[in-house]
PDB file of N, CA and C in Angstrom:
ATOM      1  N   UNK A   1      -5.240  -0.410  14.033  1.00  0.00           N
ATOM      2  CA  UNK A   1      -3.941  -0.869  15.025  1.00  0.00           C
ATOM      3  C   UNK A   1      -4.289  -2.409  15.238  1.00  0.00           C
ATOM      4  N   UNK A   2      -3.454  -3.308  14.635  1.00  0.00           N
ATOM      5  CA  UNK A   2      -3.680  -5.083  14.929  1.00  0.00           C
ATOM      6  C   UNK A   2      -3.733  -4.859  16.656  1.00  0.00           C
ATOM      7  N   UNK A   3      -4.592  -5.975  16.924  1.00  0.00           N
ATOM      8  CA  UNK A   3      -4.972  -6.354  18.498  1.00  0.00           C
ATOM      9  C   UNK A   3      -3.474  -6.870  18.896  1.00  0.00           C
ATOM     10  N   UNK A   4      -3.181  -7.076  19.941  1.00  0.00           N
ATOM     11  CA  UNK A   4      -1.792  -7.515  20.692  1.00  0.00           C
ATOM     12  C   UNK A   4      -1.727  -9.142  20.124  1.00  0.00           C
ATOM     13  N   UNK A   5      -2.659  -9.983  19.778  1.00  0.00           N
ATOM     14  CA  UNK A   5      -2.611 -11.306  19.650  1.00  0.00           C
ATOM     15  C   UNK A   5      -2.582 -11.740  18.032  1.00  0.00           C
ATOM     16  N   UNK A   6      -2.488 -10.318  17.268  1.00  0.00           N
ATOM     17  CA  UNK A   6      -2.570 -10.699  16.028  1.00  0.00           C
ATOM     18  C   UNK A   6      -1.360 -10.775  15.276  1.00  0.00           C
ATOM     19  N   UNK A   7      -1.189 -11.363  14.290  1.00  0.00           N
ATOM     20  CA  UNK A   7       0.310 -11.148  13.580  1.00  0.00           C
ATOM     21  C   UNK A   7       0.323 -10.011  12.681  1.00  0.00           C
ATOM     22  N   UNK A   8       1.503  -9.022  13.094  1.00  0.00           N
ATOM     23  CA  UNK A   8       1.300  -7.877  12.732  1.00  0.00           C
ATOM     24  C   UNK A   8       1.804  -7.712  10.861  1.00  0.00           C
ATOM     25  N   UNK A   9       1.308  -6.731  10.559  1.00  0.00           N
ATOM     26  CA  UNK A   9       0.900  -7.168   8.994  1.00  0.00           C
ATOM     27  C   UNK A   9       2.136  -5.537   8.474  1.00  0.00           C
ATOM     28  N   UNK A  10       2.906  -6.010   7.180  1.00  0.00           N
ATOM     29  CA  UNK A  10       3.949  -4.786   6.656  1.00  0.00           C
ATOM     30  C   UNK A  10       3.555  -4.798   5.560  1.00  0.00           C
ATOM     31  N   UNK A  11       2.884  -3.654   4.803  1.00  0.00           N
ATOM     32  CA  UNK A  11       3.021  -3.610   3.414  1.00  0.00           C
ATOM     33  C   UNK A  11       4.591  -2.104   2.733  1.00  0.00           C
ATOM     34  N   UNK A  12       4.679  -2.720   1.951  1.00  0.00           N
ATOM     35  CA  UNK A  12       5.773  -1.851   1.231  1.00  0.00           C
ATOM     36  C   UNK A  12       4.963  -1.414  -0.042  1.00  0.00           C
ATOM     37  N   UNK A  13       4.869  -0.586  -0.712  1.00  0.00           N
ATOM     38  CA  UNK A  13       4.689   0.299  -1.996  1.00  0.00           C
ATOM     39  C   UNK A  13       5.481   0.665  -2.844  1.00  0.00           C
ATOM     40  N   UNK A  14       5.763   0.109  -4.239  1.00  0.00           N
ATOM     41  CA  UNK A  14       6.708   0.501  -4.969  1.00  0.00           C
ATOM     42  C   UNK A  14       5.993   1.968  -5.819  1.00  0.00           C
ATOM     43  N   UNK A  15       6.629   2.545  -6.034  1.00  0.00           N
ATOM     44  CA  UNK A  15       5.674   3.857  -7.041  1.00  0.00           C
ATOM     45  C   UNK A  15       6.373   4.043  -8.210  1.00  0.00           C
ATOM     46  N   UNK A  16       5.449   4.071  -9.376  1.00  0.00           N
ATOM     47  CA  UNK A  16       6.150   4.207 -10.197  1.00  0.00           C
ATOM     48  C   UNK A  16       5.066   5.035 -11.398  1.00  0.00           C
ATOM     49  N   UNK A  17       5.503   5.796 -12.875  1.00  0.00           N
ATOM     50  CA  UNK A  17       4.271   6.898 -13.215  1.00  0.00           C
ATOM     51  C   UNK A  17       3.362   6.291 -13.454  1.00  0.00           C
ATOM     52  N   UNK A  18       2.952   4.884 -14.156  1.00  0.00           N
ATOM     53  CA  UNK A  18       1.682   3.924 -14.505  1.00  0.00           C
ATOM     54  C   UNK A  18       1.531   3.006 -13.106  1.00  0.00           C
ATOM     55  N   UNK A  19       2.465   2.725 -12.500  1.00  0.00           N
ATOM     56  CA  UNK A  19       1.718   1.511 -11.519  1.00  0.00           C
ATOM     57  C   UNK A  19       2.257   1.790  -9.910  1.00  0.00           C
ATOM     58  N   UNK A  20       1.498   1.053  -9.038  1.00  0.00           N
ATOM     59  CA  UNK A  20       1.807   0.993  -7.523  1.00  0.00           C
ATOM     60  C   UNK A  20       1.586  -0.505  -7.703  1.00  0.00           C
ATOM     61  N   UNK A  21       2.715  -1.152  -7.148  1.00  0.00           N
ATOM     62  CA  UNK A  21       2.989  -2.615  -6.874  1.00  0.00           C
ATOM     63  C   UNK A  21       3.503  -2.811  -5.247  1.00  0.00           C
ATOM     64  N   UNK A  22       2.578  -2.965  -4.810  1.00  0.00           N
ATOM     65  CA  UNK A  22       2.368  -3.709  -3.308  1.00  0.00           C
ATOM     66  C   UNK A  22       2.711  -4.852  -2.809  1.00  0.00           C
ATOM     67  N   UNK A  23       3.601  -4.866  -1.531  1.00  0.00           N
ATOM     68  CA  UNK A  23       4.021  -6.200  -1.371  1.00  0.00           C
ATOM     69  C   UNK A  23       3.338  -6.311   0.239  1.00  0.00           C
ATOM     70  N   UNK A  24       3.002  -7.439   0.282  1.00  0.00           N
ATOM     71  CA  UNK A  24       2.596  -7.588   1.941  1.00  0.00           C
ATOM     72  C   UNK A  24       3.394  -8.970   2.651  1.00  0.00           C
ATOM     73  N   UNK A  25       3.726  -8.704   3.847  1.00  0.00           N
ATOM     74  CA  UNK A  25       4.786  -9.136   4.494  1.00  0.00           C
ATOM     75  C   UNK A  25       3.750  -9.561   6.224  1.00  0.00           C
ATOM     76  N   UNK A  26       3.879 -10.863   6.430  1.00  0.00           N
ATOM     77  CA  UNK A  26       4.688 -12.322   6.446  1.00  0.00           C
ATOM     78  C   UNK A  26       3.988 -12.465   5.289  1.00  0.00           C
ATOM     79  N   UNK A  27       2.899 -12.315   4.876  1.00  0.00           N
ATOM     80  CA  UNK A  27       2.005 -13.598   3.519  1.00  0.00           C
ATOM     81  C   UNK A  27       2.852 -13.539   2.593  1.00  0.00           C
ATOM     82  N   UNK A  28       3.399 -12.544   2.274  1.00  0.00           N
ATOM     83  CA  UNK A  28       3.851 -12.859   0.613  1.00  0.00           C
ATOM     84  C   UNK A  28       3.768 -12.299  -0.405  1.00  0.00           C
ATOM     85  N   UNK A  29       2.274 -11.863   0.036  1.00  0.00           N
ATOM     86  CA  UNK A  29       1.144 -11.442  -0.907  1.00  0.00           C
ATOM     87  C   UNK A  29       1.639 -10.128  -2.075  1.00  0.00           C
ATOM     88  N   UNK A  30       1.129 -10.068  -3.245  1.00  0.00           N
ATOM     89  CA  UNK A  30       1.916  -9.027  -3.917  1.00  0.00           C
ATOM     90  C   UNK A  30       0.554  -8.716  -4.962  1.00  0.00           C
ATOM     91  N   UNK A  31       0.734  -7.450  -5.689  1.00  0.00           N
ATOM     92  CA  UNK A  31      -0.259  -6.912  -6.539  1.00  0.00           C
ATOM     93  C   UNK A  31      -0.087  -6.047  -6.965  1.00  0.00           C
ATOM     94  N   UNK A  32      -0.545  -5.226  -8.218  1.00  0.00           N
ATOM     95  CA  UNK A  32      -0.212  -4.055  -8.557  1.00  0.00           C
ATOM     96  C   UNK A  32      -1.359  -2.826  -8.985  1.00  0.00           C
ATOM     97  N   UNK A  33      -1.736  -1.869  -9.120  1.00  0.00           N
ATOM     98  CA  UNK A  33      -2.600  -1.024  -9.071  1.00  0.00           C
ATOM     99  C   UNK A  33      -2.145   0.356 -10.280  1.00  0.00           C
ATOM    100  N   UNK A  34      -3.283   0.339 -10.828  1.00  0.00           N
ATOM    101  CA  UNK A  34      -2.849   1.567 -11.719  1.00  0.00           C
ATOM    102  C   UNK A  34      -2.277   3.074 -10.775  1.00  0.00           C
ATOM    103  N   UNK A  35      -1.929   3.703 -11.438  1.00  0.00           N
ATOM    104  CA  UNK A  35      -1.508   4.500 -10.694  1.00  0.00           C
ATOM    105  C   UNK A  35      -2.139   6.336 -11.225  1.00  0.00           C
ATOM    106  N   UNK A  36      -3.692   5.743 -11.056  1.00  0.00           N
ATOM    107  CA  UNK A  36      -4.070   7.039 -11.284  1.00  0.00           C
ATOM    108  C   UNK A  36      -5.874   7.140 -10.130  1.00  0.00           C
ATOM    109  N   UNK A  37      -6.680   7.884 -10.040  1.00  0.00           N
ATOM    110  CA  UNK A  37      -7.836   7.914  -8.702  1.00  0.00           C
ATOM    111  C   UNK A  37      -8.041   6.652  -8.893  1.00  0.00           C
ATOM    112  N   UNK A  38      -8.407   5.562  -9.807  1.00  0.00           N
ATOM    113  CA  UNK A  38      -9.381   4.599  -9.399  1.00  0.00           C
ATOM    114  C   UNK A  38      -8.609   3.271  -8.745  1.00  0.00           C
ATOM    115  N   UNK A  39      -7.265   3.254  -9.192  1.00  0.00           N
ATOM    116  CA  UNK A  39      -6.275   2.338  -8.811  1.00  0.00           C
ATOM    117  C   UNK A  39      -5.665   2.905  -7.239  1.00  0.00           C
ATOM    118  N   UNK A  40      -5.835   4.095  -6.945  1.00  0.00           N
ATOM    119  CA  UNK A  40      -5.364   4.482  -5.653  1.00  0.00           C
ATOM    120  C   UNK A  40      -6.650   4.206  -4.792  1.00  0.00           C
ATOM    121  N   UNK A  41      -7.626   4.519  -5.214  1.00  0.00           N
ATOM    122  CA  UNK A  41      -9.334   4.052  -4.433  1.00  0.00           C
ATOM    123  C   UNK A  41      -8.727   2.869  -4.203  1.00  0.00           C
ATOM    124  N   UNK A  42      -8.916   1.677  -5.535  1.00  0.00           N
ATOM    125  CA  UNK A  42      -8.930   0.704  -5.182  1.00  0.00           C
ATOM    126  C   UNK A  42      -7.614  -0.109  -3.965  1.00  0.00           C
ATOM    127  N   UNK A  43      -6.526   0.331  -4.320  1.00  0.00           N
ATOM    128  CA  UNK A  43      -5.050   0.182  -3.481  1.00  0.00           C
ATOM    129  C   UNK A  43      -5.757   0.495  -1.802  1.00  0.00           C
ATOM    130  N   UNK A  44      -6.394   1.885  -1.865  1.00  0.00           N
ATOM    131  CA  UNK A  44      -6.600   2.274  -0.396  1.00  0.00           C
ATOM    132  C   UNK A  44      -7.917   1.299   0.313  1.00  0.00           C
ATOM    133  N   UNK A  45      -8.694   0.466  -0.841  1.00  0.00           N
ATOM    134  CA  UNK A  45      -9.762  -0.026   0.099  1.00  0.00           C
ATOM    135  C   UNK A  45      -9.035  -1.352   0.578  1.00  0.00           C
ATOM    136  N   UNK A  46      -8.136  -2.272  -0.371  1.00  0.00           N
ATOM    137  CA  UNK A  46      -7.422  -3.082  -0.074  1.00  0.00           C
ATOM    138  C   UNK A  46      -6.478  -3.480   0.849  1.00  0.00           C
ATOM    139  N   UNK A  47      -5.657  -2.079   1.139  1.00  0.00           N
ATOM    140  CA  UNK A  47      -5.009  -1.687   2.479  1.00  0.00           C
ATOM    141  C   UNK A  47      -6.093  -1.742   3.457  1.00  0.00           C
ATOM    142  N   UNK A  48      -6.987  -1.671   3.689  1.00  0.00           N
ATOM    143  CA  UNK A  48      -7.857  -1.252   4.717  1.00  0.00           C
ATOM    144  C   UNK A  48      -8.138  -2.429   5.230  1.00  0.00           C
ATOM    145  N   UNK A  49      -8.383  -3.465   4.513  1.00  0.00           N
ATOM    146  CA  UNK A  49      -8.681  -5.014   4.710  1.00  0.00           C
ATOM    147  C   UNK A  49      -7.598  -5.637   5.307  1.00  0.00           C
ATOM    148  N   UNK A  50      -6.414  -5.101   4.963  1.00  0.00           N
ATOM    149  CA  UNK A  50      -5.047  -5.718   5.683  1.00  0.00           C
ATOM    150  C   UNK A  50      -4.773  -5.313   7.137  1.00  0.00           C
ATOM    151  N   UNK A  51      -5.362  -3.927   7.451  1.00  0.00           N
ATOM    152  CA  UNK A  51      -4.962  -3.353   8.569  1.00  0.00           C
ATOM    153  C   UNK A  51      -3.581  -3.444   9.385  1.00  0.00           C
ATOM    154  N   UNK A  52      -3.019  -3.306   8.240  1.00  0.00           N
ATOM    155  CA  UNK A  52      -1.550  -3.124   8.417  1.00  0.00           C
ATOM    156  C   UNK A  52      -0.810  -2.181   9.875  1.00  0.00           C
ATOM    157  N   UNK A  53       0.191  -3.093  10.045  1.00  0.00           N
ATOM    158  CA  UNK A  53       0.959  -2.308  11.704  1.00  0.00           C
ATOM    159  C   UNK A  53       1.552  -1.276  10.685  1.00  0.00           C
ATOM    160  N   UNK A  54       2.385  -1.027   9.984  1.00  0.00           N
ATOM    161  CA  UNK A  54       3.410  -0.053   9.065  1.00  0.00           C
ATOM    162  C   UNK A  54       3.428  -0.127   7.677  1.00  0.00           C
ATOM    163  N   UNK A  55       2.962   0.779   7.152  1.00  0.00           N
ATOM    164  CA  UNK A  55       3.064   1.047   5.662  1.00  0.00           C
ATOM    165  C   UNK A  55       4.235   1.856   5.193  1.00  0.00           C
ATOM    166  N   UNK A  56       5.231   1.251   4.314  1.00  0.00           N
ATOM    167  CA  UNK A  56       6.213   2.257   3.592  1.00  0.00           C
ATOM    168  C   UNK A  56       6.080   2.521   2.322  1.00  0.00           C
ATOM    169  N   UNK A  57       5.790   3.743   1.754  1.00  0.00           N
ATOM    170  CA  UNK A  57       5.744   3.957   0.506  1.00  0.00           C
ATOM    171  C   UNK A  57       6.992   4.929  -0.431  1.00  0.00           C
ATOM    172  N   UNK A  58       7.585   4.485  -1.393  1.00  0.00           N
ATOM    173  CA  UNK A  58       8.697   4.829  -2.113  1.00  0.00           C
ATOM    174  C   UNK A  58       8.568   6.208  -2.398  1.00  0.00           C
ATOM    175  N   UNK A  59       9.722   7.266  -2.001  1.00  0.00           N
ATOM    176  CA  UNK A  59       9.480   8.624  -2.249  1.00  0.00           C
ATOM    177  C   UNK A  59      10.168   8.143  -3.731  1.00  0.00           C
ATOM    178  N   UNK A  60       9.383   9.130  -4.858  1.00  0.00           N
ATOM    179  CA  UNK A  60       9.656   8.767  -6.432  1.00  0.00           C
ATOM    180  C   UNK A  60       9.742  10.201  -6.908  1.00  0.00           C
ATOM    181  N   UNK A  61      10.382  11.282  -6.368  1.00  0.00           N
ATOM    182  CA  UNK A  61      10.052  12.594  -7.086  1.00  0.00           C
ATOM    183  C   UNK A  61       8.870  12.881  -7.193  1.00  0.00           C
ATOM    184  N   UNK A  62       7.834  12.513  -6.479  1.00  0.00           N
ATOM    185  CA  UNK A  62       6.264  13.808  -6.085  1.00  0.00           C
ATOM    186  C   UNK A  62       5.735  12.764  -6.527  1.00  0.00           C
ATOM    187  N   UNK A  63       5.667  11.467  -7.438  1.00  0.00           N
ATOM    188  CA  UNK A  63       4.702  10.865  -7.916  1.00  0.00           C
ATOM    189  C   UNK A  63       3.954   9.974  -6.368  1.00  0.00           C
ATOM    190  N   UNK A  64       4.420   9.665  -5.887  1.00  0.00           N
ATOM    191  CA  UNK A  64       3.832   9.210  -4.349  1.00  0.00           C
ATOM    192  C   UNK A  64       3.368  10.084  -3.679  1.00  0.00           C
ATOM    193  N   UNK A  65       2.991  11.561  -3.852  1.00  0.00           N
ATOM    194  CA  UNK A  65       2.249  11.981  -2.966  1.00  0.00           C
ATOM    195  C   UNK A  65       0.604  11.963  -2.718  1.00  0.00           C
ATOM    196  N   UNK A  66       0.343  11.746  -4.683  1.00  0.00           N
ATOM    197  CA  UNK A  66      -1.194  11.475  -4.284  1.00  0.00           C
ATOM    198  C   UNK A  66      -1.803   9.964  -3.407  1.00  0.00           C
ATOM    199  N   UNK A  67      -0.825   9.245  -3.733  1.00  0.00           N
ATOM    200  CA  UNK A  67      -1.201   7.313  -3.087  1.00  0.00           C
ATOM    201  C   UNK A  67      -0.821   7.970  -1.329  1.00  0.00           C
ATOM    202  N   UNK A  68      -0.110   8.671  -1.022  1.00  0.00           N
ATOM    203  CA  UNK A  68       0.406   9.043   0.560  1.00  0.00           C
ATOM    204  C   UNK A  68      -0.577   9.366   1.155  1.00  0.00           C
ATOM    205  N   UNK A  69      -1.456  10.462   0.559  1.00  0.00           N
ATOM    206  CA  UNK A  69      -2.207  11.261   1.094  1.00  0.00           C
ATOM    207  C   UNK A  69      -3.699  10.721   0.965  1.00  0.00           C
ATOM    208  N   UNK A  70      -3.726   9.586   0.219  1.00  0.00           N
ATOM    209  CA  UNK A  70      -4.827   9.214   0.185  1.00  0.00           C
ATOM    210  C   UNK A  70      -5.262   7.998   1.101  1.00  0.00           C
ATOM    211  N   UNK A  71      -3.894   7.368   1.487  1.00  0.00           N
ATOM    212  CA  UNK A  71      -3.490   6.282   2.419  1.00  0.00           C
ATOM    213  C   UNK A  71      -3.772   6.944   3.800  1.00  0.00           C
TER     214      UNK A  71
END
């Protein structure tokens, strides 16, 4: 959780069979990861550095389950 003096960070994750597309607000940063175990691990490491206030993951017929569980 962010300290009260820090700007809140929000992330959104678009899930597809092959890719995980991450958007970060308010910075506007975006990046993609492979939707496999290595990509999910890299995404989780990256998200930890952001210390987000809220993360939203798109529900995509169960494809979101592995990344949601890992996060």
